[in-house]
Amino acid sequence: MCVLKVIFNCQCVLYDCMCSVGLSHTCRFTTKHVSPLLQNAELASIRQAPPTHGNMEVRASTSVSEVSVVYRVEEFSIELLLRLPESYPLQPPVIREGKRVRVDQAQWRKWLLQLNIFVTNQVRRS
């Protein structure tokens, strides 16, 4: 997964896939041949794991390359949807909001922003 980043040592260009001619070929090759294999492997490992972890439930959908995470605490419930882009791992997962119960909109947006920053930084470090 890190090989392309190490070879080209240009994370920003790879993340945007706004590549020069040589990198453009690499992006297309990765999207067509590598990404589907990595996505299937990641989603399969999630499906094979137990679906519940304490207060958290995790489900994977291969048809849309998406992971759904539901976290419940007392009367609060939060659902996050993580979609793997076509060019994964060259681009970080896209985090979208799912359902939320009894969580303030401002707090919800703050959590989503923090989570997006965290995931983007984790992907760039890998």
Protein backbone atom coordinates (compact mmCIF):
# COMPACT_ATOMS: atom_id res chain seq x y z
CA MET A 1 0.00 0.00 0.00
CA CYS A 2 2.85 2.41 0.77
CA VAL A 3 5.00 1.43 -2.19
CA LEU A 4 3.73 4.12 -4.55
CA LYS A 5 4.16 6.80 -1.91
CA VAL A 6 7.72 5.70 -1.23
CA ILE A 7 8.67 5.38 -4.89
CA PHE A 8 7.35 8.77 -5.94
CA ASN A 9 7.70 10.51 -2.57
CA CYS A 10 4.92 12.89 -3.58
CA GLN A 11 1.87 12.27 -1.42
CA CYS A 12 -0.08 15.39 -2.39
CA VAL A 13 0.15 14.63 -6.09
CA LEU A 14 -0.85 11.01 -5.54
CA TYR A 15 -3.78 11.93 -3.30
CA ASP A 16 -5.23 14.30 -5.83
CA CYS A 17 -4.36 12.01 -8.74
CA MET A 18 -3.61 15.19 -10.65
CA CYS A 19 -0.47 13.61 -11.89
CA SER A 20 2.10 14.31 -14.53
CA VAL A 21 2.14 11.87 -17.44
CA GLY A 22 4.12 9.16 -15.61
CA LEU A 23 2.15 9.49 -12.40
CA SER A 24 -1.12 9.60 -14.35
CA HIS A 25 -0.38 6.13 -15.70
CA THR A 26 0.42 4.97 -12.18
CA CYS A 27 -2.84 6.39 -10.86
CA ARG A 28 -4.86 4.72 -13.61
CA PHE A 29 -3.05 1.41 -13.15
CA THR A 30 -3.57 1.52 -9.39
CA THR A 31 -7.25 2.41 -9.74
CA LYS A 32 -7.87 -0.36 -12.26
CA HIS A 33 -5.73 -3.22 -10.95
CA VAL A 34 -4.63 -2.60 -7.35
CA SER A 35 -7.51 -0.74 -5.71
CA PRO A 36 -10.17 -3.43 -6.29
CA LEU A 37 -7.93 -6.06 -4.71
CA LEU A 38 -7.15 -3.89 -1.69
CA GLN A 39 -10.78 -2.85 -1.26
CA ASN A 40 -12.00 -6.44 -1.39
CA ALA A 41 -9.34 -7.56 1.09
CA GLU A 42 -10.13 -4.72 3.52
CA LEU A 43 -13.88 -5.26 3.34
CA ALA A 44 -13.51 -9.05 3.64
CA SER A 45 -11.45 -8.66 6.81
CA ILE A 46 -14.17 -6.43 8.28
CA ARG A 47 -16.91 -8.91 7.34
CA GLN A 48 -14.97 -11.80 8.92
CA ALA A 49 -14.53 -9.99 12.24
CA PRO A 50 -17.30 -10.06 14.84
CA PRO A 51 -19.86 -7.35 13.93
CA THR A 52 -20.10 -5.93 17.45
CA HIS A 53 -17.32 -4.53 19.60
CA GLY A 54 -18.83 -3.35 22.86
CA ASN A 55 -21.09 -0.42 22.00
CA MET A 56 -19.98 -0.37 18.37
CA GLU A 57 -21.38 -2.29 15.41
CA VAL A 58 -19.42 -2.50 12.15
CA ARG A 59 -20.77 -3.68 8.78
CA ALA A 60 -19.09 -3.77 5.37
CA SER A 61 -20.74 -3.59 1.96
CA THR A 62 -18.66 -4.66 -1.02
CA SER A 63 -21.23 -3.54 -3.58
CA VAL A 64 -20.65 0.14 -2.69
CA SER A 65 -17.20 -0.22 -1.05
CA GLU A 66 -18.55 1.20 2.16
CA VAL A 67 -18.20 0.52 5.88
CA SER A 68 -20.98 1.45 8.27
CA VAL A 69 -20.12 2.05 11.92
CA VAL A 70 -22.85 2.53 14.53
CA TYR A 71 -21.88 3.61 18.04
CA ARG A 72 -24.46 3.54 20.84
CA VAL A 73 -24.19 4.98 24.33
CA GLU A 74 -27.32 5.02 26.47
CA GLU A 75 -29.85 7.08 24.48
CA PHE A 76 -27.27 8.41 21.98
CA SER A 77 -26.62 6.75 18.65
CA ILE A 78 -24.20 7.77 15.90
CA GLU A 79 -23.72 6.18 12.48
CA LEU A 80 -20.76 6.97 10.24
CA LEU A 81 -20.31 5.77 6.68
CA LEU A 82 -16.78 5.34 5.33
CA ARG A 83 -16.58 4.94 1.57
CA LEU A 84 -13.39 3.74 -0.07
CA PRO A 85 -12.71 5.81 -3.22
CA GLU A 86 -11.95 4.15 -6.55
CA SER A 87 -8.31 5.13 -6.23
CA TYR A 88 -7.88 3.77 -2.69
CA PRO A 89 -5.17 3.82 -1.22
CA LEU A 90 -4.03 6.86 -3.21
CA GLN A 91 -6.95 8.79 -1.74
CA PRO A 92 -8.21 8.54 1.84
CA PRO A 93 -11.64 7.11 2.68
CA VAL A 94 -14.54 9.53 2.41
CA ILE A 95 -16.43 9.93 5.67
CA ARG A 96 -20.11 10.76 5.48
CA GLU A 97 -22.65 11.15 8.19
CA GLY A 98 -25.28 8.52 8.68
CA LYS A 99 -28.04 8.59 11.25
CA ARG A 100 -27.67 10.40 14.54
CA VAL A 101 -29.95 10.32 17.53
CA ARG A 102 -29.89 13.01 20.22
CA VAL A 103 -26.62 14.58 19.08
CA ASP A 104 -26.45 18.34 18.53
CA GLN A 105 -25.77 19.39 14.90
CA ALA A 106 -22.81 21.60 15.86
CA GLN A 107 -21.23 18.80 17.90
CA TRP A 108 -21.88 16.35 15.06
CA ARG A 109 -20.12 18.56 12.50
CA LYS A 110 -17.19 19.06 14.86
CA TRP A 111 -16.80 15.29 15.30
CA LEU A 112 -16.98 14.69 11.54
CA LEU A 113 -14.34 17.33 10.85
CA GLN A 114 -12.02 15.87 13.50
CA LEU A 115 -12.54 12.36 12.18
CA ASN A 116 -11.84 13.44 8.59
CA ILE A 117 -8.61 15.12 9.68
CA PHE A 118 -7.57 12.06 11.69
CA VAL A 119 -8.27 9.57 8.87
CA THR A 120 -6.54 11.74 6.26
CA ASN A 121 -3.44 12.04 8.43
CA GLN A 122 -3.41 8.31 9.15
CA VAL A 123 -3.56 7.47 5.45
CA ARG A 124 -0.77 9.89 4.61
CA ARG A 125 1.45 8.40 7.30
CA SER A 126 0.97 4.80 6.15
